[in-house]
Amino acid sequence: MFATDPDAKLYRILVRDLVLKCLIGIHAHELLAPQRVRINVDMGVLEQAGPLSDDIANVVSYEDVIEGIKRMLAHGHINLVETLAEKVAELCMADPRVASVRVRVEKLDVYAEAASVGIEIERRRD
């Protein structure tokens, strides 16, 4: 069953309001001081054929996604929120069961007048 199959059944894996500190941005002060980002992930996952067994190996793990994001942020500076969003999407889509992913990345402390600034992307399998 492919993601483009109109009869494909999906379930959603969600990571909501994951707030982490990282080095991100193009300005001089952003190269030196970590800042808070909020990451939201919504994955459309193809249901397996047959009954679901109560085994973590049979599902996409949100723990793996969160730990993968943490490892990604630990590798050093990222210039753009767009780049971070793409990397998170790639991490999620590396699992062939993931048919689609929506990723939102927001910087939380950029403007006093705004709660956040950021980007949202959506990626789907062909």
PDB file of N, CA and C in Angstrom:
ATOM      1  N   MET A   1       0.853  -1.176   0.000  1.00  0.00           N
ATOM      2  CA  MET A   1       0.000   0.000   0.000  1.00  0.00           C
ATOM      3  C   MET A   1       0.898   1.238   0.000  1.00  0.00           C
ATOM      4  N   PHE A   2       0.738   2.117  -0.956  1.00  0.00           N
ATOM      5  CA  PHE A   2       1.557   3.311  -1.076  1.00  0.00           C
ATOM      6  C   PHE A   2       0.821   4.514  -0.510  1.00  0.00           C
ATOM      7  N   ALA A   3       1.585   5.558  -0.194  1.00  0.00           N
ATOM      8  CA  ALA A   3       1.006   6.772   0.378  1.00  0.00           C
ATOM      9  C   ALA A   3       0.018   7.425  -0.570  1.00  0.00           C
ATOM     10  N   THR A   4       0.186   7.211  -1.870  1.00  0.00           N
ATOM     11  CA  THR A   4      -0.713   7.822  -2.838  1.00  0.00           C
ATOM     12  C   THR A   4      -1.998   7.020  -3.017  1.00  0.00           C
ATOM     13  N   ASP A   5      -2.076   5.860  -2.424  1.00  0.00           N
ATOM     14  CA  ASP A   5      -3.267   5.015  -2.490  1.00  0.00           C
ATOM     15  C   ASP A   5      -4.396   5.701  -1.726  1.00  0.00           C
ATOM     16  N   PRO A   6      -5.510   6.021  -2.398  1.00  0.00           N
ATOM     17  CA  PRO A   6      -6.602   6.714  -1.710  1.00  0.00           C
ATOM     18  C   PRO A   6      -7.234   5.880  -0.603  1.00  0.00           C
ATOM     19  N   ASP A   7      -7.026   4.569  -0.631  1.00  0.00           N
ATOM     20  CA  ASP A   7      -7.580   3.704   0.405  1.00  0.00           C
ATOM     21  C   ASP A   7      -6.602   3.449   1.547  1.00  0.00           C
ATOM     22  N   ALA A   8      -5.416   4.046   1.475  1.00  0.00           N
ATOM     23  CA  ALA A   8      -4.417   3.842   2.530  1.00  0.00           C
ATOM     24  C   ALA A   8      -4.955   4.378   3.855  1.00  0.00           C
ATOM     25  N   LYS A   9      -4.784   3.585   4.898  1.00  0.00           N
ATOM     26  CA  LYS A   9      -5.207   4.010   6.232  1.00  0.00           C
ATOM     27  C   LYS A   9      -3.984   4.523   6.980  1.00  0.00           C
ATOM     28  N   LEU A  10      -4.134   5.707   7.546  1.00  0.00           N
ATOM     29  CA  LEU A  10      -3.041   6.344   8.262  1.00  0.00           C
ATOM     30  C   LEU A  10      -3.399   6.534   9.722  1.00  0.00           C
ATOM     31  N   TYR A  11      -2.394   6.481  10.562  1.00  0.00           N
ATOM     32  CA  TYR A  11      -2.535   6.996  11.915  1.00  0.00           C
ATOM     33  C   TYR A  11      -1.497   8.098  12.068  1.00  0.00           C
ATOM     34  N   ARG A  12      -1.650   8.936  13.061  1.00  0.00           N
ATOM     35  CA  ARG A  12      -0.787  10.097  13.222  1.00  0.00           C
ATOM     36  C   ARG A  12       0.079   9.929  14.465  1.00  0.00           C
ATOM     37  N   ILE A  13       1.351  10.235  14.311  1.00  0.00           N
ATOM     38  CA  ILE A  13       2.288  10.306  15.427  1.00  0.00           C
ATOM     39  C   ILE A  13       2.577  11.790  15.631  1.00  0.00           C
ATOM     40  N   LEU A  14       2.418  12.260  16.852  1.00  0.00           N
ATOM     41  CA  LEU A  14       2.552  13.683  17.143  1.00  0.00           C
ATOM     42  C   LEU A  14       3.661  13.938  18.158  1.00  0.00           C
ATOM     43  N   VAL A  15       4.422  14.975  17.909  1.00  0.00           N
ATOM     44  CA  VAL A  15       5.322  15.547  18.906  1.00  0.00           C
ATOM     45  C   VAL A  15       4.916  17.008  18.990  1.00  0.00           C
ATOM     46  N   ARG A  16       4.419  17.412  20.132  1.00  0.00           N
ATOM     47  CA  ARG A  16       3.877  18.759  20.289  1.00  0.00           C
ATOM     48  C   ARG A  16       4.730  19.588  21.242  1.00  0.00           C
ATOM     49  N   ASP A  17       5.066  20.770  20.789  1.00  0.00           N
ATOM     50  CA  ASP A  17       5.705  21.792  21.618  1.00  0.00           C
ATOM     51  C   ASP A  17       6.982  21.310  22.299  1.00  0.00           C
ATOM     52  N   LEU A  18       7.825  20.651  21.523  1.00  0.00           N
ATOM     53  CA  LEU A  18       9.147  20.249  22.002  1.00  0.00           C
ATOM     54  C   LEU A  18      10.027  21.499  22.015  1.00  0.00           C
ATOM     55  N   VAL A  19      10.417  21.950  23.194  1.00  0.00           N
ATOM     56  CA  VAL A  19      11.228  23.163  23.324  1.00  0.00           C
ATOM     57  C   VAL A  19      12.643  22.757  23.720  1.00  0.00           C
ATOM     58  N   LEU A  20      13.596  23.140  22.866  1.00  0.00           N
ATOM     59  CA  LEU A  20      15.002  22.815  23.078  1.00  0.00           C
ATOM     60  C   LEU A  20      15.844  24.049  22.785  1.00  0.00           C
ATOM     61  N   LYS A  21      17.048  24.071  23.331  1.00  0.00           N
ATOM     62  CA  LYS A  21      17.987  25.144  23.018  1.00  0.00           C
ATOM     63  C   LYS A  21      18.960  24.651  21.964  1.00  0.00           C
ATOM     64  N   CYS A  22      19.288  25.552  21.034  1.00  0.00           N
ATOM     65  CA  CYS A  22      20.257  25.200  19.999  1.00  0.00           C
ATOM     66  C   CYS A  22      20.903  26.464  19.456  1.00  0.00           C
ATOM     67  N   LEU A  23      22.006  26.253  18.751  1.00  0.00           N
ATOM     68  CA  LEU A  23      22.664  27.347  18.046  1.00  0.00           C
ATOM     69  C   LEU A  23      22.052  27.427  16.659  1.00  0.00           C
ATOM     70  N   ILE A  24      21.301  28.498  16.413  1.00  0.00           N
ATOM     71  CA  ILE A  24      20.612  28.649  15.137  1.00  0.00           C
ATOM     72  C   ILE A  24      20.503  30.129  14.799  1.00  0.00           C
ATOM     73  N   GLY A  25      20.735  30.461  13.552  1.00  0.00           N
ATOM     74  CA  GLY A  25      20.568  31.837  13.106  1.00  0.00           C
ATOM     75  C   GLY A  25      21.773  32.348  12.350  1.00  0.00           C
ATOM     76  N   ILE A  26      21.577  33.465  11.661  1.00  0.00           N
ATOM     77  CA  ILE A  26      22.616  34.030  10.797  1.00  0.00           C
ATOM     78  C   ILE A  26      23.299  35.255  11.402  1.00  0.00           C
ATOM     79  N   HIS A  27      22.758  35.797  12.475  1.00  0.00           N
ATOM     80  CA  HIS A  27      23.324  37.001  13.078  1.00  0.00           C
ATOM     81  C   HIS A  27      24.457  36.645  14.034  1.00  0.00           C
ATOM     82  N   ALA A  28      25.369  37.593  14.216  1.00  0.00           N
ATOM     83  CA  ALA A  28      26.562  37.346  15.034  1.00  0.00           C
ATOM     84  C   ALA A  28      26.209  36.847  16.433  1.00  0.00           C
ATOM     85  N   HIS A  29      25.230  37.471  17.070  1.00  0.00           N
ATOM     86  CA  HIS A  29      24.877  37.048  18.432  1.00  0.00           C
ATOM     87  C   HIS A  29      24.270  35.639  18.456  1.00  0.00           C
ATOM     88  N   GLU A  30      23.707  35.182  17.329  1.00  0.00           N
ATOM     89  CA  GLU A  30      23.110  33.845  17.266  1.00  0.00           C
ATOM     90  C   GLU A  30      24.169  32.753  17.092  1.00  0.00           C
ATOM     91  N   LEU A  31      25.369  33.147  16.702  1.00  0.00           N
ATOM     92  CA  LEU A  31      26.452  32.182  16.541  1.00  0.00           C
ATOM     93  C   LEU A  31      27.042  31.769  17.886  1.00  0.00           C
ATOM     94  N   LEU A  32      26.821  32.577  18.909  1.00  0.00           N
ATOM     95  CA  LEU A  32      27.467  32.358  20.200  1.00  0.00           C
ATOM     96  C   LEU A  32      26.540  31.853  21.290  1.00  0.00           C
ATOM     97  N   ALA A  33      25.297  32.273  21.254  1.00  0.00           N
ATOM     98  CA  ALA A  33      24.381  31.964  22.357  1.00  0.00           C
ATOM     99  C   ALA A  33      23.255  31.047  21.891  1.00  0.00           C
ATOM    100  N   PRO A  34      23.079  29.922  22.556  1.00  0.00           N
ATOM    101  CA  PRO A  34      21.938  29.060  22.211  1.00  0.00           C
ATOM    102  C   PRO A  34      20.625  29.804  22.443  1.00  0.00           C
ATOM    103  N   GLN A  35      19.637  29.483  21.630  1.00  0.00           N
ATOM    104  CA  GLN A  35      18.313  30.068  21.812  1.00  0.00           C
ATOM    105  C   GLN A  35      17.244  28.983  21.752  1.00  0.00           C
ATOM    106  N   ARG A  36      16.109  29.318  22.311  1.00  0.00           N
ATOM    107  CA  ARG A  36      15.020  28.342  22.372  1.00  0.00           C
ATOM    108  C   ARG A  36      14.306  28.244  21.032  1.00  0.00           C
ATOM    109  N   VAL A  37      14.045  26.991  20.640  1.00  0.00           N
ATOM    110  CA  VAL A  37      13.187  26.716  19.492  1.00  0.00           C
ATOM    111  C   VAL A  37      12.089  25.765  19.944  1.00  0.00           C
ATOM    112  N   ARG A  38      10.934  25.924  19.316  1.00  0.00           N
ATOM    113  CA  ARG A  38       9.821  24.995  19.557  1.00  0.00           C
ATOM    114  C   ARG A  38       9.614  24.219  18.269  1.00  0.00           C
ATOM    115  N   ILE A  39       9.550  22.897  18.408  1.00  0.00           N
ATOM    116  CA  ILE A  39       9.399  22.018  17.251  1.00  0.00           C
ATOM    117  C   ILE A  39       8.126  21.205  17.414  1.00  0.00           C
ATOM    118  N   ASN A  40       7.319  21.194  16.355  1.00  0.00           N
ATOM    119  CA  ASN A  40       6.123  20.363  16.301  1.00  0.00           C
ATOM    120  C   ASN A  40       6.233  19.448  15.088  1.00  0.00           C
ATOM    121  N   VAL A  41       5.881  18.191  15.287  1.00  0.00           N
ATOM    122  CA  VAL A  41       5.959  17.190  14.229  1.00  0.00           C
ATOM    123  C   VAL A  41       4.632  16.446  14.182  1.00  0.00           C
ATOM    124  N   ASP A  42       4.103  16.251  12.977  1.00  0.00           N
ATOM    125  CA  ASP A  42       2.875  15.485  12.756  1.00  0.00           C
ATOM    126  C   ASP A  42       3.153  14.529  11.600  1.00  0.00           C
ATOM    127  N   MET A  43       3.279  13.240  11.918  1.00  0.00           N
ATOM    128  CA  MET A  43       3.591  12.234  10.897  1.00  0.00           C
ATOM    129  C   MET A  43       2.357  11.416  10.562  1.00  0.00           C
ATOM    130  N   GLY A  44       2.087  11.248   9.279  1.00  0.00           N
ATOM    131  CA  GLY A  44       1.070  10.318   8.807  1.00  0.00           C
ATOM    132  C   GLY A  44       1.744   8.984   8.537  1.00  0.00           C
ATOM    133  N   VAL A  45       1.354   7.962   9.278  1.00  0.00           N
ATOM    134  CA  VAL A  45       2.017   6.658   9.212  1.00  0.00           C
ATOM    135  C   VAL A  45       1.046   5.630   8.655  1.00  0.00           C
ATOM    136  N   LEU A  46       1.516   4.862   7.684  1.00  0.00           N
ATOM    137  CA  LEU A  46       0.690   3.805   7.098  1.00  0.00           C
ATOM    138  C   LEU A  46       0.418   2.724   8.128  1.00  0.00           C
ATOM    139  N   GLU A  47      -0.848   2.363   8.268  1.00  0.00           N
ATOM    140  CA  GLU A  47      -1.202   1.260   9.161  1.00  0.00           C
ATOM    141  C   GLU A  47      -0.692  -0.041   8.574  1.00  0.00           C
ATOM    142  N   GLN A  48      -0.245  -0.917   9.437  1.00  0.00           N
ATOM    143  CA  GLN A  48       0.217  -2.224   8.967  1.00  0.00           C
ATOM    144  C   GLN A  48      -0.978  -3.089   8.602  1.00  0.00           C
ATOM    145  N   ALA A  49      -0.739  -4.016   7.695  1.00  0.00           N
ATOM    146  CA  ALA A  49      -1.792  -4.967   7.325  1.00  0.00           C
ATOM    147  C   ALA A  49      -2.005  -5.925   8.487  1.00  0.00           C
ATOM    148  N   GLY A  50      -3.228  -6.254   8.739  1.00  0.00           N
ATOM    149  CA  GLY A  50      -3.541  -7.198   9.808  1.00  0.00           C
ATOM    150  C   GLY A  50      -3.661  -6.503  11.151  1.00  0.00           C
ATOM    151  N   PRO A  51      -3.892  -7.278  12.181  1.00  0.00           N
ATOM    152  CA  PRO A  51      -4.099  -6.700  13.509  1.00  0.00           C
ATOM    153  C   PRO A  51      -2.805  -6.109  14.080  1.00  0.00           C
ATOM    154  N   LEU A  52      -2.935  -5.033  14.817  1.00  0.00           N
ATOM    155  CA  LEU A  52      -1.805  -4.386  15.460  1.00  0.00           C
ATOM    156  C   LEU A  52      -1.429  -5.168  16.710  1.00  0.00           C
ATOM    157  N   SER A  53      -0.173  -5.580  16.784  1.00  0.00           N
ATOM    158  CA  SER A  53       0.276  -6.252  17.998  1.00  0.00           C
ATOM    159  C   SER A  53       0.829  -5.205  18.957  1.00  0.00           C
ATOM    160  N   ASP A  54       0.798  -5.502  20.217  1.00  0.00           N
ATOM    161  CA  ASP A  54       1.211  -4.569  21.262  1.00  0.00           C
ATOM    162  C   ASP A  54       2.729  -4.621  21.433  1.00  0.00           C
ATOM    163  N   ASP A  55       3.448  -4.222  20.368  1.00  0.00           N
ATOM    164  CA  ASP A  55       4.903  -4.314  20.341  1.00  0.00           C
ATOM    165  C   ASP A  55       5.459  -3.035  19.730  1.00  0.00           C
ATOM    166  N   ILE A  56       6.343  -2.353  20.443  1.00  0.00           N
ATOM    167  CA  ILE A  56       6.907  -1.083  19.979  1.00  0.00           C
ATOM    168  C   ILE A  56       7.617  -1.220  18.635  1.00  0.00           C
ATOM    169  N   ALA A  57       8.119  -2.399  18.330  1.00  0.00           N
ATOM    170  CA  ALA A  57       8.812  -2.615  17.055  1.00  0.00           C
ATOM    171  C   ALA A  57       7.872  -2.472  15.862  1.00  0.00           C
ATOM    172  N   ASN A  58       6.573  -2.538  16.090  1.00  0.00           N
ATOM    173  CA  ASN A  58       5.594  -2.478  15.006  1.00  0.00           C
ATOM    174  C   ASN A  58       5.047  -1.079  14.744  1.00  0.00           C
ATOM    175  N   VAL A  59       5.549  -0.085  15.464  1.00  0.00           N
ATOM    176  CA  VAL A  59       5.057   1.281  15.285  1.00  0.00           C
ATOM    177  C   VAL A  59       6.232   2.242  15.138  1.00  0.00           C
ATOM    178  N   VAL A  60       5.952   3.425  14.641  1.00  0.00           N
ATOM    179  CA  VAL A  60       6.945   4.491  14.598  1.00  0.00           C
ATOM    180  C   VAL A  60       6.990   5.112  15.992  1.00  0.00           C
ATOM    181  N   SER A  61       8.161   5.192  16.557  1.00  0.00           N
ATOM    182  CA  SER A  61       8.322   5.643  17.940  1.00  0.00           C
ATOM    183  C   SER A  61       8.571   7.144  18.015  1.00  0.00           C
ATOM    184  N   TYR A  62       7.734   7.855  18.750  1.00  0.00           N
ATOM    185  CA  TYR A  62       7.965   9.282  18.951  1.00  0.00           C
ATOM    186  C   TYR A  62       9.222   9.508  19.772  1.00  0.00           C
ATOM    187  N   GLU A  63       9.577   8.546  20.627  1.00  0.00           N
ATOM    188  CA  GLU A  63      10.820   8.662  21.394  1.00  0.00           C
ATOM    189  C   GLU A  63      12.032   8.707  20.455  1.00  0.00           C
ATOM    190  N   ASP A  64      12.025   7.858  19.425  1.00  0.00           N
ATOM    191  CA  ASP A  64      13.119   7.859  18.452  1.00  0.00           C
ATOM    192  C   ASP A  64      13.207   9.197  17.721  1.00  0.00           C
ATOM    193  N   VAL A  65      12.063   9.779  17.406  1.00  0.00           N
ATOM    194  CA  VAL A  65      12.042  11.074  16.723  1.00  0.00           C
ATOM    195  C   VAL A  65      12.623  12.157  17.630  1.00  0.00           C
ATOM    196  N   ILE A  66      12.187  12.204  18.876  1.00  0.00           N
ATOM    197  CA  ILE A  66      12.679  13.221  19.815  1.00  0.00           C
ATOM    198  C   ILE A  66      14.179  13.069  20.044  1.00  0.00           C
ATOM    199  N   GLU A  67      14.631  11.853  20.277  1.00  0.00           N
ATOM    200  CA  GLU A  67      16.063  11.630  20.502  1.00  0.00           C
ATOM    201  C   GLU A  67      16.869  11.964  19.247  1.00  0.00           C
ATOM    202  N   GLY A  68      16.326  11.682  18.067  1.00  0.00           N
ATOM    203  CA  GLY A  68      16.995  12.042  16.818  1.00  0.00           C
ATOM    204  C   GLY A  68      17.131  13.546  16.655  1.00  0.00           C
ATOM    205  N   ILE A  69      16.094  14.285  17.021  1.00  0.00           N
ATOM    206  CA  ILE A  69      16.151  15.752  16.961  1.00  0.00           C
ATOM    207  C   ILE A  69      17.206  16.273  17.932  1.00  0.00           C
ATOM    208  N   LYS A  70      17.242  15.726  19.134  1.00  0.00           N
ATOM    209  CA  LYS A  70      18.246  16.157  20.119  1.00  0.00           C
ATOM    210  C   LYS A  70      19.666  15.910  19.606  1.00  0.00           C
ATOM    211  N   ARG A  71      19.896  14.748  19.005  1.00  0.00           N
ATOM    212  CA  ARG A  71      21.223  14.450  18.442  1.00  0.00           C
ATOM    213  C   ARG A  71      21.573  15.437  17.325  1.00  0.00           C
ATOM    214  N   MET A  72      20.593  15.741  16.495  1.00  0.00           N
ATOM    215  CA  MET A  72      20.792  16.672  15.388  1.00  0.00           C
ATOM    216  C   MET A  72      21.223  18.051  15.907  1.00  0.00           C
ATOM    217  N   LEU A  73      20.545  18.528  16.939  1.00  0.00           N
ATOM    218  CA  LEU A  73      20.843  19.849  17.481  1.00  0.00           C
ATOM    219  C   LEU A  73      22.186  19.879  18.200  1.00  0.00           C
ATOM    220  N   ALA A  74      22.637  18.744  18.690  1.00  0.00           N
ATOM    221  CA  ALA A  74      23.917  18.668  19.398  1.00  0.00           C
ATOM    222  C   ALA A  74      25.114  18.739  18.454  1.00  0.00           C
ATOM    223  N   HIS A  75      24.887  18.595  17.153  1.00  0.00           N
ATOM    224  CA  HIS A  75      25.987  18.572  16.189  1.00  0.00           C
ATOM    225  C   HIS A  75      26.519  19.947  15.823  1.00  0.00           C
ATOM    226  N   GLY A  76      25.960  21.008  16.350  1.00  0.00           N
ATOM    227  CA  GLY A  76      26.516  22.326  16.067  1.00  0.00           C
ATOM    228  C   GLY A  76      25.515  23.290  15.472  1.00  0.00           C
ATOM    229  N   HIS A  77      26.043  24.396  14.987  1.00  0.00           N
ATOM    230  CA  HIS A  77      25.236  25.519  14.524  1.00  0.00           C
ATOM    231  C   HIS A  77      24.494  25.212  13.221  1.00  0.00           C
ATOM    232  N   ILE A  78      23.260  25.707  13.145  1.00  0.00           N
ATOM    233  CA  ILE A  78      22.436  25.651  11.932  1.00  0.00           C
ATOM    234  C   ILE A  78      22.074  27.092  11.589  1.00  0.00           C
ATOM    235  N   ASN A  79      22.226  27.480  10.342  1.00  0.00           N
ATOM    236  CA  ASN A  79      21.933  28.864   9.952  1.00  0.00           C
ATOM    237  C   ASN A  79      20.440  29.175   9.954  1.00  0.00           C
ATOM    238  N   LEU A  80      19.634  28.325   9.336  1.00  0.00           N
ATOM    239  CA  LEU A  80      18.246  28.676   9.043  1.00  0.00           C
ATOM    240  C   LEU A  80      17.246  27.729   9.697  1.00  0.00           C
ATOM    241  N   VAL A  81      16.104  28.276  10.122  1.00  0.00           N
ATOM    242  CA  VAL A  81      15.022  27.416  10.619  1.00  0.00           C
ATOM    243  C   VAL A  81      14.518  26.518   9.500  1.00  0.00           C
ATOM    244  N   GLU A  82      14.605  26.996   8.256  1.00  0.00           N
ATOM    245  CA  GLU A  82      14.203  26.177   7.111  1.00  0.00           C
ATOM    246  C   GLU A  82      15.059  24.913   7.016  1.00  0.00           C
ATOM    247  N   THR A  83      16.353  25.064   7.246  1.00  0.00           N
ATOM    248  CA  THR A  83      17.264  23.917   7.217  1.00  0.00           C
ATOM    249  C   THR A  83      16.926  22.932   8.323  1.00  0.00           C
ATOM    250  N   LEU A  84      16.676  23.442   9.517  1.00  0.00           N
ATOM    251  CA  LEU A  84      16.319  22.563  10.633  1.00  0.00           C
ATOM    252  C   LEU A  84      15.026  21.817  10.333  1.00  0.00           C
ATOM    253  N   ALA A  85      14.032  22.507   9.798  1.00  0.00           N
ATOM    254  CA  ALA A  85      12.761  21.850   9.463  1.00  0.00           C
ATOM    255  C   ALA A  85      12.976  20.743   8.438  1.00  0.00           C
ATOM    256  N   GLU A  86      13.782  20.998   7.422  1.00  0.00           N
ATOM    257  CA  GLU A  86      14.063  19.971   6.403  1.00  0.00           C
ATOM    258  C   GLU A  86      14.767  18.767   7.016  1.00  0.00           C
ATOM    259  N   LYS A  87      15.716  19.011   7.903  1.00  0.00           N
ATOM    260  CA  LYS A  87      16.439  17.904   8.542  1.00  0.00           C
ATOM    261  C   LYS A  87      15.506  17.063   9.409  1.00  0.00           C
ATOM    262  N   VAL A  88      14.605  17.711  10.124  1.00  0.00           N
ATOM    263  CA  VAL A  88      13.638  16.966  10.938  1.00  0.00           C
ATOM    264  C   VAL A  88      12.727  16.141  10.032  1.00  0.00           C
ATOM    265  N   ALA A  89      12.279  16.731   8.930  1.00  0.00           N
ATOM    266  CA  ALA A  89      11.433  15.991   7.982  1.00  0.00           C
ATOM    267  C   ALA A  89      12.178  14.781   7.422  1.00  0.00           C
ATOM    268  N   GLU A  90      13.445  14.960   7.070  1.00  0.00           N
ATOM    269  CA  GLU A  90      14.252  13.841   6.559  1.00  0.00           C
ATOM    270  C   GLU A  90      14.393  12.737   7.599  1.00  0.00           C
ATOM    271  N   LEU A  91      14.605  13.119   8.846  1.00  0.00           N
ATOM    272  CA  LEU A  91      14.693  12.146   9.936  1.00  0.00           C
ATOM    273  C   LEU A  91      13.422  11.305  10.001  1.00  0.00           C
ATOM    274  N   CYS A  92      12.282  11.961   9.935  1.00  0.00           N
ATOM    275  CA  CYS A  92      10.998  11.254  10.020  1.00  0.00           C
ATOM    276  C   CYS A  92      10.760  10.373   8.798  1.00  0.00           C
ATOM    277  N   MET A  93      11.055  10.905   7.617  1.00  0.00           N
ATOM    278  CA  MET A  93      10.790  10.171   6.380  1.00  0.00           C
ATOM    279  C   MET A  93      11.782   9.032   6.146  1.00  0.00           C
ATOM    280  N   ALA A  94      12.831   8.956   6.952  1.00  0.00           N
ATOM    281  CA  ALA A  94      13.777   7.842   6.832  1.00  0.00           C
ATOM    282  C   ALA A  94      13.103   6.512   7.151  1.00  0.00           C
ATOM    283  N   ASP A  95      12.026   6.559   7.929  1.00  0.00           N
ATOM    284  CA  ASP A  95      11.248   5.349   8.207  1.00  0.00           C
ATOM    285  C   ASP A  95      10.259   5.162   7.060  1.00  0.00           C
ATOM    286  N   PRO A  96      10.341   4.047   6.330  1.00  0.00           N
ATOM    287  CA  PRO A  96       9.477   3.863   5.153  1.00  0.00           C
ATOM    288  C   PRO A  96       7.986   3.799   5.471  1.00  0.00           C
ATOM    289  N   ARG A  97       7.636   3.614   6.726  1.00  0.00           N
ATOM    290  CA  ARG A  97       6.218   3.582   7.100  1.00  0.00           C
ATOM    291  C   ARG A  97       5.610   4.977   7.164  1.00  0.00           C
ATOM    292  N   VAL A  98       6.451   6.003   7.219  1.00  0.00           N
ATOM    293  CA  VAL A  98       5.966   7.383   7.297  1.00  0.00           C
ATOM    294  C   VAL A  98       5.620   7.849   5.885  1.00  0.00           C
ATOM    295  N   ALA A  99       4.341   8.139   5.667  1.00  0.00           N
ATOM    296  CA  ALA A  99       3.853   8.565   4.350  1.00  0.00           C
ATOM    297  C   ALA A  99       3.939  10.077   4.173  1.00  0.00           C
ATOM    298  N   SER A 100       3.818  10.808   5.275  1.00  0.00           N
ATOM    299  CA  SER A 100       3.869  12.265   5.202  1.00  0.00           C
ATOM    300  C   SER A 100       4.320  12.806   6.547  1.00  0.00           C
ATOM    301  N   VAL A 101       4.834  14.021   6.507  1.00  0.00           N
ATOM    302  CA  VAL A 101       5.233  14.687   7.746  1.00  0.00           C
ATOM    303  C   VAL A 101       5.033  16.186   7.592  1.00  0.00           C
ATOM    304  N   ARG A 102       4.565  16.787   8.648  1.00  0.00           N
ATOM    305  CA  ARG A 102       4.471  18.244   8.745  1.00  0.00           C
ATOM    306  C   ARG A 102       5.358  18.652   9.920  1.00  0.00           C
ATOM    307  N   VAL A 103       6.250  19.602   9.671  1.00  0.00           N
ATOM    308  CA  VAL A 103       7.193  20.054  10.692  1.00  0.00           C
ATOM    309  C   VAL A 103       7.067  21.562  10.830  1.00  0.00           C
ATOM    310  N   ARG A 104       6.948  22.014  12.063  1.00  0.00           N
ATOM    311  CA  ARG A 104       6.949  23.452  12.361  1.00  0.00           C
ATOM    312  C   ARG A 104       8.124  23.721  13.298  1.00  0.00           C
ATOM    313  N   VAL A 105       8.937  24.713  12.939  1.00  0.00           N
ATOM    314  CA  VAL A 105      10.055  25.145  13.774  1.00  0.00           C
ATOM    315  C   VAL A 105       9.871  26.630  14.045  1.00  0.00           C
ATOM    316  N   GLU A 106       9.918  26.991  15.327  1.00  0.00           N
ATOM    317  CA  GLU A 106       9.737  28.388  15.720  1.00  0.00           C
ATOM    318  C   GLU A 106      10.852  28.816  16.659  1.00  0.00           C
ATOM    319  N   LYS A 107      11.400  29.996  16.412  1.00  0.00           N
ATOM    320  CA  LYS A 107      12.305  30.632  17.363  1.00  0.00           C
ATOM    321  C   LYS A 107      11.424  31.419  18.327  1.00  0.00           C
ATOM    322  N   LEU A 108      11.671  31.241  19.615  1.00  0.00           N
ATOM    323  CA  LEU A 108      10.741  31.788  20.607  1.00  0.00           C
ATOM    324  C   LEU A 108      11.127  33.155  21.160  1.00  0.00           C
ATOM    325  N   ASP A 109      12.369  33.534  21.056  1.00  0.00           N
ATOM    326  CA  ASP A 109      12.823  34.735  21.759  1.00  0.00           C
ATOM    327  C   ASP A 109      13.406  35.798  20.834  1.00  0.00           C
ATOM    328  N   VAL A 110      12.927  35.876  19.606  1.00  0.00           N
ATOM    329  CA  VAL A 110      13.500  36.806  18.636  1.00  0.00           C
ATOM    330  C   VAL A 110      12.911  38.210  18.782  1.00  0.00           C
ATOM    331  N   TYR A 111      11.593  38.308  18.850  1.00  0.00           N
ATOM    332  CA  TYR A 111      10.922  39.608  18.938  1.00  0.00           C
ATOM    333  C   TYR A 111      10.044  39.656  20.179  1.00  0.00           C
ATOM    334  N   ALA A 112      10.176  40.727  20.938  1.00  0.00           N
ATOM    335  CA  ALA A 112       9.340  40.893  22.130  1.00  0.00           C
ATOM    336  C   ALA A 112       7.865  40.997  21.754  1.00  0.00           C
ATOM    337  N   GLU A 113       7.595  41.508  20.557  1.00  0.00           N
ATOM    338  CA  GLU A 113       6.210  41.729  20.129  1.00  0.00           C
ATOM    339  C   GLU A 113       5.545  40.476  19.572  1.00  0.00           C
ATOM    340  N   ALA A 114       6.306  39.415  19.358  1.00  0.00           N
ATOM    341  CA  ALA A 114       5.755  38.185  18.760  1.00  0.00           C
ATOM    342  C   ALA A 114       6.079  36.985  19.650  1.00  0.00           C
ATOM    343  N   ALA A 115       5.112  36.105  19.795  1.00  0.00           N
ATOM    344  CA  ALA A 115       5.342  34.887  20.578  1.00  0.00           C
ATOM    345  C   ALA A 115       6.411  34.013  19.933  1.00  0.00           C
ATOM    346  N   SER A 116       6.450  34.020  18.590  1.00  0.00           N
ATOM    347  CA  SER A 116       7.449  33.223  17.883  1.00  0.00           C
ATOM    348  C   SER A 116       7.508  33.656  16.425  1.00  0.00           C
ATOM    349  N   VAL A 117       8.587  33.243  15.766  1.00  0.00           N
ATOM    350  CA  VAL A 117       8.717  33.360  14.313  1.00  0.00           C
ATOM    351  C   VAL A 117       9.243  32.023  13.816  1.00  0.00           C
ATOM    352  N   GLY A 118       8.828  31.627  12.615  1.00  0.00           N
ATOM    353  CA  GLY A 118       9.299  30.326  12.163  1.00  0.00           C
ATOM    354  C   GLY A 118       8.757  29.911  10.818  1.00  0.00           C
ATOM    355  N   ILE A 119       8.752  28.615  10.626  1.00  0.00           N
ATOM    356  CA  ILE A 119       8.363  28.019   9.347  1.00  0.00           C
ATOM    357  C   ILE A 119       7.626  26.717   9.602  1.00  0.00           C
ATOM    358  N   GLU A 120       6.766  26.365   8.654  1.00  0.00           N
ATOM    359  CA  GLU A 120       6.113  25.054   8.659  1.00  0.00           C
ATOM    360  C   GLU A 120       6.249  24.472   7.258  1.00  0.00           C
ATOM    361  N   ILE A 121       6.678  23.215   7.193  1.00  0.00           N
ATOM    362  CA  ILE A 121       6.798  22.529   5.908  1.00  0.00           C
ATOM    363  C   ILE A 121       6.014  21.225   5.970  1.00  0.00           C
ATOM    364  N   GLU A 122       5.656  20.721   4.804  1.00  0.00           N
ATOM    365  CA  GLU A 122       5.004  19.414   4.703  1.00  0.00           C
ATOM    366  C   GLU A 122       5.668  18.639   3.580  1.00  0.00           C
ATOM    367  N   ARG A 123       5.979  17.397   3.860  1.00  0.00           N
ATOM    368  CA  ARG A 123       6.595  16.515   2.870  1.00  0.00           C
ATOM    369  C   ARG A 123       5.796  15.225   2.782  1.00  0.00           C
ATOM    370  N   ARG A 124       5.680  14.697   1.542  1.00  0.00           N
ATOM    371  CA  ARG A 124       4.941  13.450   1.285  1.00  0.00           C
ATOM    372  C   ARG A 124       5.773  12.540   0.402  1.00  0.00           C
ATOM    373  N   ARG A 125       5.532  11.259   0.544  1.00  0.00           N
ATOM    374  CA  ARG A 125       6.163  10.297  -0.361  1.00  0.00           C
ATOM    375  C   ARG A 125       5.447  10.339  -1.702  1.00  0.00           C
ATOM    376  N   ASP A 126       6.188  10.058  -2.756  1.00  0.00           N
ATOM    377  CA  ASP A 126       5.584   9.963  -4.092  1.00  0.00           C
ATOM    378  C   ASP A 126       4.799   8.681  -4.217  1.00  0.00           C
TER     379      ASP A 126
END
